[in-house]
Structures are given as structure tokens and as C-alpha cells.
Protein backbone atom coordinates (compact mmCIF):
# COMPACT_ATOMS: atom_id res chain seq x y z
CA MET A 1 134.81 96.87 109.12
CA ALA A 2 133.20 93.08 108.23
CA LEU A 3 130.04 92.02 106.81
CA ARG A 4 127.17 90.45 108.93
CA ASN A 5 124.42 88.17 108.31
CA VAL A 6 121.36 89.60 107.53
CA ARG A 7 118.36 88.25 109.24
CA VAL A 8 115.67 87.23 106.88
CA GLU A 9 111.96 86.86 107.87
CA GLY A 10 111.24 83.97 110.05
CA ASP A 11 113.88 85.42 112.39
CA GLU A 12 112.53 86.32 115.73
CA ILE A 13 114.52 89.06 116.21
CA LEU A 14 112.94 91.07 113.43
CA THR A 15 109.58 91.03 115.32
CA LYS A 16 111.15 92.90 118.32
CA HIS A 17 111.21 96.76 119.71
CA CYS A 18 114.81 97.72 119.81
CA LYS A 19 116.20 99.88 122.66
CA GLU A 20 117.32 103.18 122.81
CA VAL A 21 120.82 104.29 122.33
CA ARG A 22 122.46 105.91 125.47
CA GLU A 23 125.47 106.90 124.44
CA MET A 24 127.50 105.94 121.06
CA THR A 25 130.60 103.10 122.25
CA PRO A 26 133.23 101.80 119.94
CA ARG A 27 131.11 98.38 119.52
CA LEU A 28 128.28 100.73 118.10
CA ARG A 29 130.70 102.63 115.69
CA GLU A 30 131.88 99.50 114.67
CA LEU A 31 128.67 97.88 114.26
CA ILE A 32 127.66 101.38 112.23
CA ASP A 33 130.78 100.70 109.95
CA ASP A 34 129.46 97.04 109.67
CA MET A 35 126.04 98.07 108.98
CA PHE A 36 127.29 100.38 105.89
CA GLU A 37 129.13 97.53 104.54
CA THR A 38 126.94 95.08 104.67
CA MET A 39 123.99 97.52 102.96
CA TYR A 40 126.53 98.22 100.35
CA GLU A 41 127.72 94.48 99.66
CA SER A 42 123.70 93.43 99.59
CA TYR A 43 122.75 96.49 97.07
CA GLY A 44 120.47 97.86 99.66
CA VAL A 45 119.54 101.67 100.15
CA GLY A 46 119.17 101.24 104.13
CA LEU A 47 119.29 98.88 106.87
CA ALA A 48 118.11 98.61 110.67
CA ALA A 49 120.50 97.39 113.39
CA PRO A 50 118.07 94.62 114.20
CA GLN A 51 118.48 93.06 110.61
CA VAL A 52 121.81 92.11 111.52
CA GLY A 53 120.86 90.98 114.99
CA VAL A 54 121.22 93.97 117.07
CA LEU A 55 118.11 95.22 119.03
CA ARG A 56 119.10 99.11 119.28
CA ARG A 57 117.55 101.63 117.14
CA ILE A 58 119.97 102.16 114.46
CA VAL A 59 119.49 102.98 110.76
CA VAL A 60 121.79 103.39 107.91
CA ILE A 61 120.58 104.92 104.57
CA ASP A 62 122.23 105.76 101.44
CA CYS A 63 119.63 106.55 98.30
CA THR A 64 122.36 107.40 95.85
CA ASP A 65 123.65 105.62 92.87
CA ASP A 66 127.71 106.74 93.56
CA ARG A 67 127.00 105.82 97.32
CA SER A 68 127.97 109.58 98.27
CA GLN A 69 125.69 110.33 100.70
CA PRO A 70 125.39 107.70 103.93
CA ILE A 71 122.98 108.84 106.51
CA VAL A 72 123.04 107.70 110.01
CA LEU A 73 119.76 107.74 112.27
CA VAL A 74 120.25 106.96 116.05
CA ASN A 75 117.14 106.80 117.85
CA PRO A 76 115.12 108.16 115.10
CA GLN A 77 111.45 109.73 115.65
CA ILE A 78 109.42 110.50 112.56
CA LYS A 79 107.68 113.81 113.70
CA GLU A 80 105.81 114.99 110.62
CA THR A 81 104.97 112.83 107.22
CA GLU A 82 103.22 114.82 104.03
CA GLY A 83 101.49 113.53 100.96
CA GLU A 84 101.66 109.84 99.44
CA GLN A 85 103.76 107.83 97.24
CA THR A 86 103.01 104.47 96.03
CA GLY A 87 105.12 102.05 94.39
CA TYR A 88 107.26 98.76 95.04
CA GLU A 89 109.43 98.02 98.14
CA GLY A 90 111.75 95.28 98.72
CA CYS A 91 114.01 94.50 101.89
CA LEU A 92 116.92 92.50 102.60
CA SER A 93 115.42 90.60 105.63
CA ILE A 94 112.51 89.23 102.31
CA PRO A 95 115.19 88.48 99.75
CA GLY A 96 113.90 88.25 96.44
CA LYS A 97 110.40 89.46 96.86
CA ARG A 98 108.49 92.88 96.33
CA ALA A 99 104.96 93.99 96.93
CA ILE A 100 103.38 97.77 96.53
CA VAL A 101 103.69 99.69 99.57
CA THR A 102 101.83 103.40 100.01
CA ARG A 103 104.23 105.50 102.14
CA PRO A 104 104.83 109.23 102.84
CA MET A 105 105.90 111.37 100.26
CA HIS A 106 107.88 113.79 102.15
CA VAL A 107 108.78 112.87 105.86
CA THR A 108 110.74 114.69 108.99
CA VAL A 109 112.70 113.05 111.46
CA GLU A 110 114.73 113.95 114.24
CA ALA A 111 117.75 111.69 115.47
CA PHE A 112 121.07 111.55 116.48
CA ASP A 113 124.34 110.97 114.11
CA ALA A 114 127.24 108.54 114.89
CA ASP A 115 128.63 111.46 117.46
CA MET A 116 125.39 111.45 119.06
CA LYS A 117 124.74 114.94 118.29
CA PRO A 118 121.06 115.64 117.46
CA PHE A 119 119.61 116.63 114.29
CA ARG A 120 116.23 116.75 111.98
CA LEU A 121 116.44 115.76 108.18
CA GLU A 122 113.71 116.60 105.43
CA ALA A 123 113.10 113.79 103.40
CA GLU A 124 111.61 113.11 100.03
CA GLY A 125 110.80 110.25 97.66
CA LEU A 126 112.78 107.29 97.72
CA LEU A 127 115.02 108.82 100.94
CA ALA A 128 111.33 109.21 103.06
CA ARG A 129 110.54 106.02 102.05
CA ALA A 130 113.42 104.55 103.05
CA VAL A 131 113.21 106.28 106.24
CA CYS A 132 110.02 105.07 107.31
CA HIS A 133 110.66 101.26 106.16
CA GLU A 134 113.73 101.21 108.36
CA CYS A 135 112.39 103.15 111.43
CA ASP A 136 109.19 100.33 111.14
CA HIS A 137 112.09 97.71 111.44
CA LEU A 138 113.07 99.45 115.08
CA ASP A 139 110.04 98.36 115.71
CA GLY A 140 109.39 94.76 114.62
CA HIS A 141 107.76 95.40 111.66
CA LEU A 142 108.05 94.36 107.93
CA TYR A 143 106.96 95.95 104.88
CA ARG A 144 104.79 93.00 104.44
CA GLU A 145 102.60 94.25 106.67
CA LYS A 146 101.54 97.39 105.19
CA ALA A 147 101.66 95.49 101.40
CA GLU A 148 99.37 96.38 99.56
CA SER A 149 99.74 93.57 96.63
CA PRO A 150 100.65 90.08 97.53
CA LEU A 151 104.40 89.85 97.53
CA GLU A 152 106.07 88.54 93.84
CA ASP A 153 109.31 87.31 92.61
CA VAL A 154 111.42 90.49 91.65
CA PRO A 155 111.57 89.95 87.80
CA GLU A 156 115.27 87.85 86.69
CA GLU A 157 115.30 91.22 84.37
CA GLU A 158 114.57 93.67 86.91
CA GLU A 159 116.72 91.92 89.65
CA GLU A 160 120.17 94.11 89.40
CA ASP A 161 118.14 97.35 89.09
CA PHE A 162 115.72 96.46 91.97
CA GLU A 163 118.51 95.29 93.80
CA GLU A 164 119.68 99.24 93.98
CA TYR A 165 116.27 100.32 94.94
CA GLU A 166 115.39 98.14 97.96
CA GLU A 167 115.28 99.61 101.45
CA GLU A 168 117.69 97.14 102.75
CA ALA A 169 116.27 96.98 103.60
């Protein structure tokens, strides 16, 4: 495993639409491992492949405090949404900033796992927010586009707590 550089706003790759994964290769498995390592090292809760410079429809997420529930979504498709939640959102590709964003409270997503086995995930709360945020990256969108408030600096006293809340991100 290796740390990868996280691309930041202004990098053209973050505006591109990602290609579907047709088969899992050793190189893509290595990418997934590297994405988890990079996400954990950066205190994010999610990371999408374009954020590390790869235009493939792959997302990794782990919203748990103890990093015990890693989720891999390959070719994710959000099938249903329900309810609303409004709160701060951050992103590893827009470091040190946050803004208010409204997302669904509940989402149902269909995807493949790292073995290309199809599965369905029901997500609520922070996990639902992370799924939506990361799936947006796969279509070339940053949370700034949905922000309902101006981007603001993360207050210094909240930085450590906020880093664990960031959606990749």
C-alpha cells in the first residue's frame, strides 16, 4: 500500500466524468488499498478515485471512529433517496474549508464490491452524506456546487474533530 497525492480544487481531473470498471484487476485492487490508506492518513471518511488522479468509478468510505467498517463501492448507482439532512460538509480536495450542504438522510445505492460482486447498501445519516458526496466526485462535481453557505475556514479548535467528519472527502 502507498499514500497517493490528493488532487485539490483547480485540478482539471476533478471535473471529469469517470469510466465504469469492467473487471477488477490487480492494479485496481492496489488502487483501492492505496485509497483507504490515503483516506485514513488524511482523516477523511470517504475518497473517490478521481481525487487521487484515477478516472474510474471507485469510492471508498469508512465513517466509523475506529475505522472498522470499510466500504468499497465500484460503479455505484444511487437508486433511492429519502428525507433531508443539512450540515457542514468538507472535502479533502478543498482542504481546510467547509460549507453547509443539504443531502438526503437516507440513500439506497447499488454497486459492486472489490470482488465485483453486486450488492445493495442502505445508508443513513453521515454514511448517506458520504455516499452522495463521493458519487458526485465520480461525475466531476465538488460539494462547493451544492453549498448553501459560503465556504469558510474550519475553526482551529474544531480542526481535529472536523477532519474525522470530512467526506473525503
